[in-house]
Amino acid sequence: MPTYQYACTECGHAFEQFQSFSEESLTVCPECQGKLRKVFSAAGVVFKGSGFYRTDSRSPSSSSSSSSSASSSSSSSTTATATASSSSSD
């Protein structure tokens, strides 16, 4: 059952009320018989970004370590080839 927050527009009395979805909203303040209004607040959880579930379910070390080791070995072989070709042309 959801909890709703209400505030009186006349006396400022604020309270929470458990109500089912099918019940009507409260309209009369229990303190001064003034008019009530529902109070809406920000959500407790906010999901942002396009890859929220994909990036949060992986361990960060498994995918980044394998790609960085592969790129470092390919760059070292390219450097060795370039050094060998420049020394043979002299």
PDB file of N, CA and C in Angstrom:
ATOM      1  N   MET A   1       0.849  -1.172   0.000  1.00  0.00           N
ATOM      2  CA  MET A   1       0.000   0.000   0.000  1.00  0.00           C
ATOM      3  C   MET A   1       0.900   1.243   0.000  1.00  0.00           C
ATOM      4  N   PRO A   2       0.680   2.177  -0.901  1.00  0.00           N
ATOM      5  CA  PRO A   2       1.527   3.370  -0.988  1.00  0.00           C
ATOM      6  C   PRO A   2       1.269   4.370   0.144  1.00  0.00           C
ATOM      7  N   THR A   3       2.280   5.156   0.402  1.00  0.00           N
ATOM      8  CA  THR A   3       2.190   6.225   1.395  1.00  0.00           C
ATOM      9  C   THR A   3       2.147   7.555   0.654  1.00  0.00           C
ATOM     10  N   TYR A   4       1.178   8.383   0.983  1.00  0.00           N
ATOM     11  CA  TYR A   4       1.043   9.695   0.359  1.00  0.00           C
ATOM     12  C   TYR A   4       1.322  10.770   1.397  1.00  0.00           C
ATOM     13  N   GLN A   5       1.914  11.874   0.954  1.00  0.00           N
ATOM     14  CA  GLN A   5       2.169  13.010   1.836  1.00  0.00           C
ATOM     15  C   GLN A   5       1.150  14.098   1.527  1.00  0.00           C
ATOM     16  N   TYR A   6       0.616  14.671   2.587  1.00  0.00           N
ATOM     17  CA  TYR A   6      -0.364  15.749   2.461  1.00  0.00           C
ATOM     18  C   TYR A   6       0.107  16.944   3.279  1.00  0.00           C
ATOM     19  N   ALA A   7      -0.314  18.137   2.852  1.00  0.00           N
ATOM     20  CA  ALA A   7      -0.052  19.356   3.602  1.00  0.00           C
ATOM     21  C   ALA A   7      -1.282  20.244   3.509  1.00  0.00           C
ATOM     22  N   CYS A   8      -1.606  20.891   4.624  1.00  0.00           N
ATOM     23  CA  CYS A   8      -2.758  21.791   4.660  1.00  0.00           C
ATOM     24  C   CYS A   8      -2.355  23.135   4.078  1.00  0.00           C
ATOM     25  N   THR A   9      -3.202  23.707   3.242  1.00  0.00           N
ATOM     26  CA  THR A   9      -2.914  25.006   2.641  1.00  0.00           C
ATOM     27  C   THR A   9      -3.190  26.156   3.610  1.00  0.00           C
ATOM     28  N   GLU A  10      -3.938  25.895   4.675  1.00  0.00           N
ATOM     29  CA  GLU A  10      -4.292  26.965   5.624  1.00  0.00           C
ATOM     30  C   GLU A  10      -3.412  26.978   6.870  1.00  0.00           C
ATOM     31  N   CYS A  11      -3.275  25.822   7.560  1.00  0.00           N
ATOM     32  CA  CYS A  11      -2.502  25.815   8.804  1.00  0.00           C
ATOM     33  C   CYS A  11      -1.086  25.275   8.628  1.00  0.00           C
ATOM     34  N   GLY A  12      -0.791  24.634   7.481  1.00  0.00           N
ATOM     35  CA  GLY A  12       0.545  24.109   7.221  1.00  0.00           C
ATOM     36  C   GLY A  12       0.816  22.743   7.817  1.00  0.00           C
ATOM     37  N   HIS A  13      -0.183  22.126   8.427  1.00  0.00           N
ATOM     38  CA  HIS A  13      -0.021  20.795   9.008  1.00  0.00           C
ATOM     39  C   HIS A  13       0.343  19.809   7.905  1.00  0.00           C
ATOM     40  N   ALA A  14       1.453  19.038   8.121  1.00  0.00           N
ATOM     41  CA  ALA A  14       1.901  18.054   7.136  1.00  0.00           C
ATOM     42  C   ALA A  14       1.884  16.674   7.772  1.00  0.00           C
ATOM     43  N   PHE A  15       1.482  15.669   6.996  1.00  0.00           N
ATOM     44  CA  PHE A  15       1.423  14.299   7.505  1.00  0.00           C
ATOM     45  C   PHE A  15       1.450  13.316   6.342  1.00  0.00           C
ATOM     46  N   GLU A  16       1.659  12.041   6.685  1.00  0.00           N
ATOM     47  CA  GLU A  16       1.645  10.962   5.707  1.00  0.00           C
ATOM     48  C   GLU A  16       0.447  10.064   5.961  1.00  0.00           C
ATOM     49  N   GLN A  17      -0.072   9.478   4.876  1.00  0.00           N
ATOM     50  CA  GLN A  17      -1.251   8.624   4.994  1.00  0.00           C
ATOM     51  C   GLN A  17      -1.079   7.407   4.100  1.00  0.00           C
ATOM     52  N   PHE A  18      -1.294   6.198   4.651  1.00  0.00           N
ATOM     53  CA  PHE A  18      -1.320   4.973   3.863  1.00  0.00           C
ATOM     54  C   PHE A  18      -2.682   4.869   3.200  1.00  0.00           C
ATOM     55  N   GLN A  19      -2.667   4.736   1.859  1.00  0.00           N
ATOM     56  CA  GLN A  19      -3.916   4.608   1.109  1.00  0.00           C
ATOM     57  C   GLN A  19      -3.716   3.649  -0.047  1.00  0.00           C
ATOM     58  N   SER A  20      -4.756   2.918  -0.390  1.00  0.00           N
ATOM     59  CA  SER A  20      -4.671   2.071  -1.575  1.00  0.00           C
ATOM     60  C   SER A  20      -4.903   2.935  -2.817  1.00  0.00           C
ATOM     61  N   PHE A  21      -4.590   2.372  -3.963  1.00  0.00           N
ATOM     62  CA  PHE A  21      -4.750   3.116  -5.212  1.00  0.00           C
ATOM     63  C   PHE A  21      -6.211   3.459  -5.508  1.00  0.00           C
ATOM     64  N   SER A  22      -7.107   2.641  -5.042  1.00  0.00           N
ATOM     65  CA  SER A  22      -8.524   2.848  -5.346  1.00  0.00           C
ATOM     66  C   SER A  22      -9.187   3.888  -4.427  1.00  0.00           C
ATOM     67  N   GLU A  23      -8.559   4.241  -3.310  1.00  0.00           N
ATOM     68  CA  GLU A  23      -9.147   5.219  -2.388  1.00  0.00           C
ATOM     69  C   GLU A  23      -9.039   6.633  -2.953  1.00  0.00           C
ATOM     70  N   GLU A  24     -10.007   7.452  -2.606  1.00  0.00           N
ATOM     71  CA  GLU A  24      -9.993   8.860  -2.999  1.00  0.00           C
ATOM     72  C   GLU A  24      -8.943   9.611  -2.176  1.00  0.00           C
ATOM     73  N   SER A  25      -8.400  10.694  -2.733  1.00  0.00           N
ATOM     74  CA  SER A  25      -7.438  11.528  -2.010  1.00  0.00           C
ATOM     75  C   SER A  25      -8.129  12.267  -0.876  1.00  0.00           C
ATOM     76  N   LEU A  26      -7.377  12.522   0.193  1.00  0.00           N
ATOM     77  CA  LEU A  26      -7.938  13.294   1.302  1.00  0.00           C
ATOM     78  C   LEU A  26      -8.045  14.755   0.889  1.00  0.00           C
ATOM     79  N   THR A  27      -9.092  15.434   1.352  1.00  0.00           N
ATOM     80  CA  THR A  27      -9.310  16.833   0.979  1.00  0.00           C
ATOM     81  C   THR A  27      -9.475  17.754   2.180  1.00  0.00           C
ATOM     82  N   VAL A  28      -9.695  17.199   3.377  1.00  0.00           N
ATOM     83  CA  VAL A  28      -9.955  18.009   4.565  1.00  0.00           C
ATOM     84  C   VAL A  28      -8.870  17.755   5.609  1.00  0.00           C
ATOM     85  N   CYS A  29      -8.293  18.835   6.124  1.00  0.00           N
ATOM     86  CA  CYS A  29      -7.251  18.748   7.146  1.00  0.00           C
ATOM     87  C   CYS A  29      -7.836  18.240   8.467  1.00  0.00           C
ATOM     88  N   PRO A  30      -7.182  17.248   9.096  1.00  0.00           N
ATOM     89  CA  PRO A  30      -7.703  16.752  10.369  1.00  0.00           C
ATOM     90  C   PRO A  30      -7.476  17.733  11.535  1.00  0.00           C
ATOM     91  N   GLU A  31      -6.606  18.716  11.368  1.00  0.00           N
ATOM     92  CA  GLU A  31      -6.320  19.683  12.429  1.00  0.00           C
ATOM     93  C   GLU A  31      -7.286  20.872  12.408  1.00  0.00           C
ATOM     94  N   CYS A  32      -7.441  21.509  11.236  1.00  0.00           N
ATOM     95  CA  CYS A  32      -8.223  22.749  11.177  1.00  0.00           C
ATOM     96  C   CYS A  32      -9.399  22.693  10.205  1.00  0.00           C
ATOM     97  N   GLN A  33      -9.632  21.542   9.583  1.00  0.00           N
ATOM     98  CA  GLN A  33     -10.695  21.365   8.588  1.00  0.00           C
ATOM     99  C   GLN A  33     -10.454  22.190   7.325  1.00  0.00           C
ATOM    100  N   GLY A  34      -9.202  22.621   7.105  1.00  0.00           N
ATOM    101  CA  GLY A  34      -8.849  23.369   5.889  1.00  0.00           C
ATOM    102  C   GLY A  34      -8.652  22.439   4.702  1.00  0.00           C
ATOM    103  N   LYS A  35      -8.236  23.023   3.592  1.00  0.00           N
ATOM    104  CA  LYS A  35      -8.067  22.269   2.355  1.00  0.00           C
ATOM    105  C   LYS A  35      -6.673  21.633   2.308  1.00  0.00           C
ATOM    106  N   LEU A  36      -6.632  20.331   1.941  1.00  0.00           N
ATOM    107  CA  LEU A  36      -5.365  19.607   1.829  1.00  0.00           C
ATOM    108  C   LEU A  36      -4.883  19.572   0.390  1.00  0.00           C
ATOM    109  N   ARG A  37      -3.579  19.428   0.249  1.00  0.00           N
ATOM    110  CA  ARG A  37      -2.994  19.196  -1.077  1.00  0.00           C
ATOM    111  C   ARG A  37      -1.978  18.073  -0.932  1.00  0.00           C
ATOM    112  N   LYS A  38      -1.795  17.286  -2.003  1.00  0.00           N
ATOM    113  CA  LYS A  38      -0.790  16.228  -2.009  1.00  0.00           C
ATOM    114  C   LYS A  38       0.577  16.865  -2.226  1.00  0.00           C
ATOM    115  N   VAL A  39       1.571  16.347  -1.534  1.00  0.00           N
ATOM    116  CA  VAL A  39       2.945  16.834  -1.672  1.00  0.00           C
ATOM    117  C   VAL A  39       3.719  15.799  -2.480  1.00  0.00           C
ATOM    118  N   PHE A  40       4.339  16.243  -3.560  1.00  0.00           N
ATOM    119  CA  PHE A  40       5.145  15.367  -4.403  1.00  0.00           C
ATOM    120  C   PHE A  40       6.608  15.725  -4.210  1.00  0.00           C
ATOM    121  N   SER A  41       7.440  14.702  -4.069  1.00  0.00           N
ATOM    122  CA  SER A  41       8.870  14.930  -3.887  1.00  0.00           C
ATOM    123  C   SER A  41       9.642  14.201  -4.976  1.00  0.00           C
ATOM    124  N   ALA A  42      10.948  14.473  -5.018  1.00  0.00           N
ATOM    125  CA  ALA A  42      11.800  13.840  -6.027  1.00  0.00           C
ATOM    126  C   ALA A  42      11.897  12.337  -5.777  1.00  0.00           C
ATOM    127  N   ALA A  43      12.108  11.615  -6.840  1.00  0.00           N
ATOM    128  CA  ALA A  43      12.242  10.161  -6.721  1.00  0.00           C
ATOM    129  C   ALA A  43      13.517   9.800  -5.978  1.00  0.00           C
ATOM    130  N   GLY A  44      13.486   8.699  -5.253  1.00  0.00           N
ATOM    131  CA  GLY A  44      14.647   8.265  -4.492  1.00  0.00           C
ATOM    132  C   GLY A  44      15.762   7.698  -5.356  1.00  0.00           C
ATOM    133  N   VAL A  45      15.422   7.161  -6.525  1.00  0.00           N
ATOM    134  CA  VAL A  45      16.405   6.565  -7.417  1.00  0.00           C
ATOM    135  C   VAL A  45      16.247   7.196  -8.784  1.00  0.00           C
ATOM    136  N   VAL A  46      17.355   7.613  -9.379  1.00  0.00           N
ATOM    137  CA  VAL A  46      17.332   8.197 -10.709  1.00  0.00           C
ATOM    138  C   VAL A  46      18.293   7.417 -11.588  1.00  0.00           C
ATOM    139  N   PHE A  47      17.810   6.877 -12.715  1.00  0.00           N
ATOM    140  CA  PHE A  47      18.640   6.133 -13.646  1.00  0.00           C
ATOM    141  C   PHE A  47      19.038   7.066 -14.777  1.00  0.00           C
ATOM    142  N   LYS A  48      20.353   7.252 -14.966  1.00  0.00           N
ATOM    143  CA  LYS A  48      20.835   8.128 -16.030  1.00  0.00           C
ATOM    144  C   LYS A  48      21.838   7.378 -16.894  1.00  0.00           C
ATOM    145  N   GLY A  49      21.968   7.789 -18.129  1.00  0.00           N
ATOM    146  CA  GLY A  49      22.955   7.211 -19.027  1.00  0.00           C
ATOM    147  C   GLY A  49      22.376   6.111 -19.892  1.00  0.00           C
ATOM    148  N   SER A  50      23.026   5.875 -21.030  1.00  0.00           N
ATOM    149  CA  SER A  50      22.502   4.897 -21.976  1.00  0.00           C
ATOM    150  C   SER A  50      22.900   3.468 -21.634  1.00  0.00           C
ATOM    151  N   GLY A  51      24.010   3.251 -20.938  1.00  0.00           N
ATOM    152  CA  GLY A  51      24.454   1.893 -20.659  1.00  0.00           C
ATOM    153  C   GLY A  51      24.449   1.561 -19.191  1.00  0.00           C
ATOM    154  N   PHE A  52      23.443   1.951 -18.468  1.00  0.00           N
ATOM    155  CA  PHE A  52      23.439   1.779 -17.013  1.00  0.00           C
ATOM    156  C   PHE A  52      23.603   0.326 -16.606  1.00  0.00           C
ATOM    157  N   TYR A  53      22.789  -0.564 -17.126  1.00  0.00           N
ATOM    158  CA  TYR A  53      22.862  -1.956 -16.704  1.00  0.00           C
ATOM    159  C   TYR A  53      24.072  -2.670 -17.286  1.00  0.00           C
ATOM    160  N   ARG A  54      24.445  -2.374 -18.498  1.00  0.00           N
ATOM    161  CA  ARG A  54      25.572  -3.058 -19.130  1.00  0.00           C
ATOM    162  C   ARG A  54      26.871  -2.735 -18.406  1.00  0.00           C
ATOM    163  N   THR A  55      27.111  -1.502 -18.065  1.00  0.00           N
ATOM    164  CA  THR A  55      28.372  -1.128 -17.433  1.00  0.00           C
ATOM    165  C   THR A  55      28.412  -1.457 -15.956  1.00  0.00           C
ATOM    166  N   ASP A  56      27.298  -1.484 -15.281  1.00  0.00           N
ATOM    167  CA  ASP A  56      27.293  -1.762 -13.852  1.00  0.00           C
ATOM    168  C   ASP A  56      27.339  -3.245 -13.528  1.00  0.00           C
ATOM    169  N   SER A  57      27.016  -4.118 -14.455  1.00  0.00           N
ATOM    170  CA  SER A  57      26.994  -5.542 -14.152  1.00  0.00           C
ATOM    171  C   SER A  57      28.335  -6.212 -14.426  1.00  0.00           C
ATOM    172  N   ARG A  58      29.266  -5.536 -15.088  1.00  0.00           N
ATOM    173  CA  ARG A  58      30.571  -6.104 -15.384  1.00  0.00           C
ATOM    174  C   ARG A  58      31.605  -5.711 -14.351  1.00  0.00           C
ATOM    175  N   SER A  59      32.629  -6.556 -14.215  1.00  0.00           N
ATOM    176  CA  SER A  59      33.765  -6.138 -13.398  1.00  0.00           C
ATOM    177  C   SER A  59      34.686  -5.319 -14.305  1.00  0.00           C
ATOM    178  N   PRO A  60      35.190  -4.190 -13.846  1.00  0.00           N
ATOM    179  CA  PRO A  60      35.958  -3.293 -14.704  1.00  0.00           C
ATOM    180  C   PRO A  60      37.308  -3.860 -15.133  1.00  0.00           C
ATOM    181  N   SER A  61      37.896  -4.816 -14.404  1.00  0.00           N
ATOM    182  CA  SER A  61      39.230  -5.305 -14.725  1.00  0.00           C
ATOM    183  C   SER A  61      39.247  -6.327 -15.854  1.00  0.00           C
ATOM    184  N   SER A  62      38.166  -7.080 -16.067  1.00  0.00           N
ATOM    185  CA  SER A  62      38.192  -8.174 -17.037  1.00  0.00           C
ATOM    186  C   SER A  62      38.264  -7.682 -18.484  1.00  0.00           C
ATOM    187  N   SER A  63      37.496  -6.692 -18.854  1.00  0.00           N
ATOM    188  CA  SER A  63      37.482  -6.261 -20.251  1.00  0.00           C
ATOM    189  C   SER A  63      38.581  -5.258 -20.556  1.00  0.00           C
ATOM    190  N   SER A  64      38.954  -4.399 -19.624  1.00  0.00           N
ATOM    191  CA  SER A  64      39.944  -3.372 -19.908  1.00  0.00           C
ATOM    192  C   SER A  64      41.355  -3.933 -19.917  1.00  0.00           C
ATOM    193  N   SER A  65      41.674  -4.952 -19.093  1.00  0.00           N
ATOM    194  CA  SER A  65      43.029  -5.490 -19.043  1.00  0.00           C
ATOM    195  C   SER A  65      43.346  -6.290 -20.302  1.00  0.00           C
ATOM    196  N   SER A  66      42.390  -7.024 -20.845  1.00  0.00           N
ATOM    197  CA  SER A  66      42.654  -7.813 -22.032  1.00  0.00           C
ATOM    198  C   SER A  66      42.819  -6.930 -23.263  1.00  0.00           C
ATOM    199  N   SER A  67      42.073  -5.850 -23.366  1.00  0.00           N
ATOM    200  CA  SER A  67      42.196  -4.974 -24.522  1.00  0.00           C
ATOM    201  C   SER A  67      43.467  -4.142 -24.453  1.00  0.00           C
ATOM    202  N   SER A  68      43.911  -3.747 -23.252  1.00  0.00           N
ATOM    203  CA  SER A  68      45.115  -2.937 -23.146  1.00  0.00           C
ATOM    204  C   SER A  68      46.360  -3.776 -23.413  1.00  0.00           C
ATOM    205  N   SER A  69      46.383  -5.064 -23.023  1.00  0.00           N
ATOM    206  CA  SER A  69      47.545  -5.910 -23.272  1.00  0.00           C
ATOM    207  C   SER A  69      47.645  -6.223 -24.763  1.00  0.00           C
ATOM    208  N   ALA A  70      46.521  -6.379 -25.441  1.00  0.00           N
ATOM    209  CA  ALA A  70      46.538  -6.652 -26.870  1.00  0.00           C
ATOM    210  C   ALA A  70      47.034  -5.434 -27.647  1.00  0.00           C
ATOM    211  N   SER A  71      46.655  -4.260 -27.251  1.00  0.00           N
ATOM    212  CA  SER A  71      47.080  -3.068 -27.970  1.00  0.00           C
ATOM    213  C   SER A  71      48.549  -2.770 -27.718  1.00  0.00           C
ATOM    214  N   SER A  72      49.083  -3.062 -26.535  1.00  0.00           N
ATOM    215  CA  SER A  72      50.485  -2.786 -26.257  1.00  0.00           C
ATOM    216  C   SER A  72      51.378  -3.759 -27.016  1.00  0.00           C
ATOM    217  N   SER A  73      50.973  -5.023 -27.191  1.00  0.00           N
ATOM    218  CA  SER A  73      51.791  -5.977 -27.934  1.00  0.00           C
ATOM    219  C   SER A  73      51.795  -5.638 -29.418  1.00  0.00           C
ATOM    220  N   SER A  74      50.700  -5.163 -29.976  1.00  0.00           N
ATOM    221  CA  SER A  74      50.673  -4.813 -31.392  1.00  0.00           C
ATOM    222  C   SER A  74      51.474  -3.554 -31.658  1.00  0.00           C
ATOM    223  N   SER A  75      51.499  -2.603 -30.743  1.00  0.00           N
ATOM    224  CA  SER A  75      52.275  -1.386 -30.944  1.00  0.00           C
ATOM    225  C   SER A  75      53.761  -1.666 -30.806  1.00  0.00           C
ATOM    226  N   SER A  76      54.166  -2.613 -29.941  1.00  0.00           N
ATOM    227  CA  SER A  76      55.583  -2.932 -29.800  1.00  0.00           C
ATOM    228  C   SER A  76      56.102  -3.653 -31.035  1.00  0.00           C
ATOM    229  N   SER A  77      55.298  -4.492 -31.666  1.00  0.00           N
ATOM    230  CA  SER A  77      55.734  -5.176 -32.880  1.00  0.00           C
ATOM    231  C   SER A  77      55.832  -4.195 -34.046  1.00  0.00           C
ATOM    232  N   THR A  78      54.985  -3.190 -34.088  1.00  0.00           N
ATOM    233  CA  THR A  78      55.049  -2.166 -35.122  1.00  0.00           C
ATOM    234  C   THR A  78      56.321  -1.333 -34.961  1.00  0.00           C
ATOM    235  N   THR A  79      56.703  -1.025 -33.744  1.00  0.00           N
ATOM    236  CA  THR A  79      57.905  -0.255 -33.475  1.00  0.00           C
ATOM    237  C   THR A  79      59.150  -1.051 -33.867  1.00  0.00           C
ATOM    238  N   ALA A  80      59.142  -2.335 -33.569  1.00  0.00           N
ATOM    239  CA  ALA A  80      60.287  -3.175 -33.905  1.00  0.00           C
ATOM    240  C   ALA A  80      60.442  -3.281 -35.418  1.00  0.00           C
ATOM    241  N   THR A  81      59.365  -3.377 -36.155  1.00  0.00           N
ATOM    242  CA  THR A  81      59.410  -3.456 -37.614  1.00  0.00           C
ATOM    243  C   THR A  81      59.924  -2.146 -38.191  1.00  0.00           C
ATOM    244  N   ALA A  82      59.476  -1.025 -37.672  1.00  0.00           N
ATOM    245  CA  ALA A  82      59.916   0.273 -38.171  1.00  0.00           C
ATOM    246  C   ALA A  82      61.399   0.497 -37.893  1.00  0.00           C
ATOM    247  N   THR A  83      61.913   0.063 -36.748  1.00  0.00           N
ATOM    248  CA  THR A  83      63.319   0.212 -36.397  1.00  0.00           C
ATOM    249  C   THR A  83      64.183  -0.658 -37.292  1.00  0.00           C
ATOM    250  N   ALA A  84      63.753  -1.873 -37.572  1.00  0.00           N
ATOM    251  CA  ALA A  84      64.518  -2.779 -38.417  1.00  0.00           C
ATOM    252  C   ALA A  84      64.595  -2.261 -39.848  1.00  0.00           C
ATOM    253  N   SER A  85      63.532  -1.705 -40.370  1.00  0.00           N
ATOM    254  CA  SER A  85      63.544  -1.212 -41.751  1.00  0.00           C
ATOM    255  C   SER A  85      64.364   0.053 -41.884  1.00  0.00           C
ATOM    256  N   SER A  86      64.406   0.907 -40.874  1.00  0.00           N
ATOM    257  CA  SER A  86      65.201   2.131 -40.969  1.00  0.00           C
ATOM    258  C   SER A  86      66.697   1.842 -40.836  1.00  0.00           C
ATOM    259  N   SER A  87      67.071   0.835 -40.036  1.00  0.00           N
ATOM    260  CA  SER A  87      68.494   0.528 -39.869  1.00  0.00           C
ATOM    261  C   SER A  87      69.055  -0.185 -41.100  1.00  0.00           C
ATOM    262  N   SER A  88      68.255  -0.939 -41.832  1.00  0.00           N
ATOM    263  CA  SER A  88      68.716  -1.640 -43.012  1.00  0.00           C
ATOM    264  C   SER A  88      68.862  -0.707 -44.198  1.00  0.00           C
ATOM    265  N   SER A  89      68.172   0.420 -44.234  1.00  0.00           N
ATOM    266  CA  SER A  89      68.259   1.347 -45.347  1.00  0.00           C
ATOM    267  C   SER A  89      69.450   2.269 -45.233  1.00  0.00           C
ATOM    268  N   ASP A  90      70.138   2.331 -44.088  1.00  0.00           N
ATOM    269  CA  ASP A  90      71.299   3.223 -43.915  1.00  0.00           C
ATOM    270  C   ASP A  90      72.516   2.686 -44.544  1.00  0.00           C
TER     271      ASP A  90
END
